[in-house]
Protein backbone atom coordinates (compact mmCIF):
# COMPACT_ATOMS: atom_id res chain seq x y z
CA MET A 1 -22.79 16.79 5.57
CA ARG A 2 -20.30 14.43 4.48
CA GLU A 3 -19.22 13.69 1.01
CA ILE A 4 -20.67 10.05 -0.45
CA GLY A 5 -18.05 7.67 -0.43
CA GLN A 6 -15.36 9.39 1.64
CA THR A 7 -13.79 7.55 4.08
CA ILE A 8 -11.92 8.47 7.27
CA GLU A 9 -8.83 6.72 5.50
CA ALA A 10 -9.13 9.21 2.39
CA VAL A 11 -9.61 12.01 4.59
CA LYS A 12 -6.28 11.10 6.49
CA LYS A 13 -4.43 10.97 3.36
CA ARG A 14 -6.35 14.33 1.95
CA VAL A 15 -4.97 16.02 5.68
CA GLY A 16 -1.52 14.25 5.29
CA ARG A 17 -1.05 16.06 1.94
CA LEU A 18 -1.92 19.24 3.38
CA VAL A 19 1.02 19.45 6.00
CA GLY A 20 2.78 22.80 6.28
CA VAL A 21 0.46 24.16 3.56
CA PRO A 22 -1.05 27.44 4.36
CA VAL A 23 -4.90 26.73 4.32
CA LEU A 24 -8.17 28.49 5.18
CA PHE A 25 -10.24 26.50 7.23
CA LYS A 26 -14.00 26.89 8.18
CA ILE A 27 -14.66 25.46 11.57
CA CYS A 28 -18.29 24.97 12.56
CA SER A 29 -18.82 24.51 16.37
CA GLY A 30 -22.51 24.01 16.44
CA ARG A 31 -25.79 25.71 16.82
CA GLY A 32 -24.78 28.08 13.44
CA LYS A 33 -21.47 29.22 15.06
CA CYS A 34 -18.60 28.89 12.09
CA GLU A 35 -15.41 30.89 11.88
CA LEU A 36 -13.07 31.41 9.39
CA VAL A 37 -9.43 30.86 10.38
CA ARG A 38 -5.90 30.86 8.49
CA GLY A 39 -2.97 28.43 9.16
CA GLU A 40 -1.56 25.43 8.07
CA ILE A 41 -1.58 21.77 9.75
CA SER A 42 1.63 21.06 11.47
CA SER A 43 1.23 17.53 12.34
CA THR A 44 -0.67 14.20 12.36
CA TYR A 45 -1.30 11.54 14.52
CA PRO A 46 -3.46 8.41 14.06
CA ALA A 47 -6.79 9.69 15.32
CA VAL A 48 -6.01 13.53 15.11
CA PHE A 49 -4.05 16.07 13.81
CA SER A 50 -3.00 19.37 14.96
CA VAL A 51 -3.41 22.95 13.41
CA THR A 52 -1.46 26.34 14.21
CA LEU A 53 -3.21 29.22 13.32
CA ASP A 54 -1.72 32.37 11.81
CA THR A 55 -2.24 34.02 15.62
CA GLY A 56 -0.05 31.25 16.83
CA GLU A 57 -3.04 29.46 18.48
CA GLN A 58 -2.82 25.49 18.35
CA LYS A 59 -6.10 23.56 17.70
CA THR A 60 -7.03 19.91 17.28
CA PHE A 61 -9.27 18.29 15.20
CA SER A 62 -10.16 14.60 14.54
CA TYR A 63 -10.52 13.16 11.08
CA ALA A 64 -14.11 12.64 11.77
CA ASP A 65 -14.82 16.20 12.15
CA VAL A 66 -13.44 16.69 8.61
CA HIS A 67 -15.45 13.69 7.64
CA THR A 68 -18.81 15.09 8.87
CA GLY A 69 -18.14 18.76 7.80
CA ALA A 70 -17.53 20.24 10.97
CA VAL A 71 -13.85 21.22 9.83
CA LEU A 72 -13.40 22.34 6.18
CA PHE A 73 -10.68 23.13 3.82
CA LEU A 74 -11.31 26.07 1.61
CA ASP A 75 -9.07 27.74 -1.18
CA PRO A 76 -6.36 29.80 0.48
CA CYS A 77 -7.13 32.58 -1.89
CA ARG A 78 -10.54 33.10 -0.39
CA GLN A 79 -10.69 36.24 1.70
CA LYS A 80 -13.17 37.50 3.80
């Protein structure tokens, strides 16, 4: 669920501040499928941002994914 009062512009600023910082991501792909992955935001673009996972895999997400809660940024100190 999205945060009340959060706009896409606020999400873009928040993501921009996290570029190059190690982050723990919770990615929910629907139907109860969620995964925790570690990585860092490698680059930002007007409509999407790229994430490089610790495994070397690259993933791309839209700011709307963060806005709707499909992608969550968690405390990097939290570990399973």
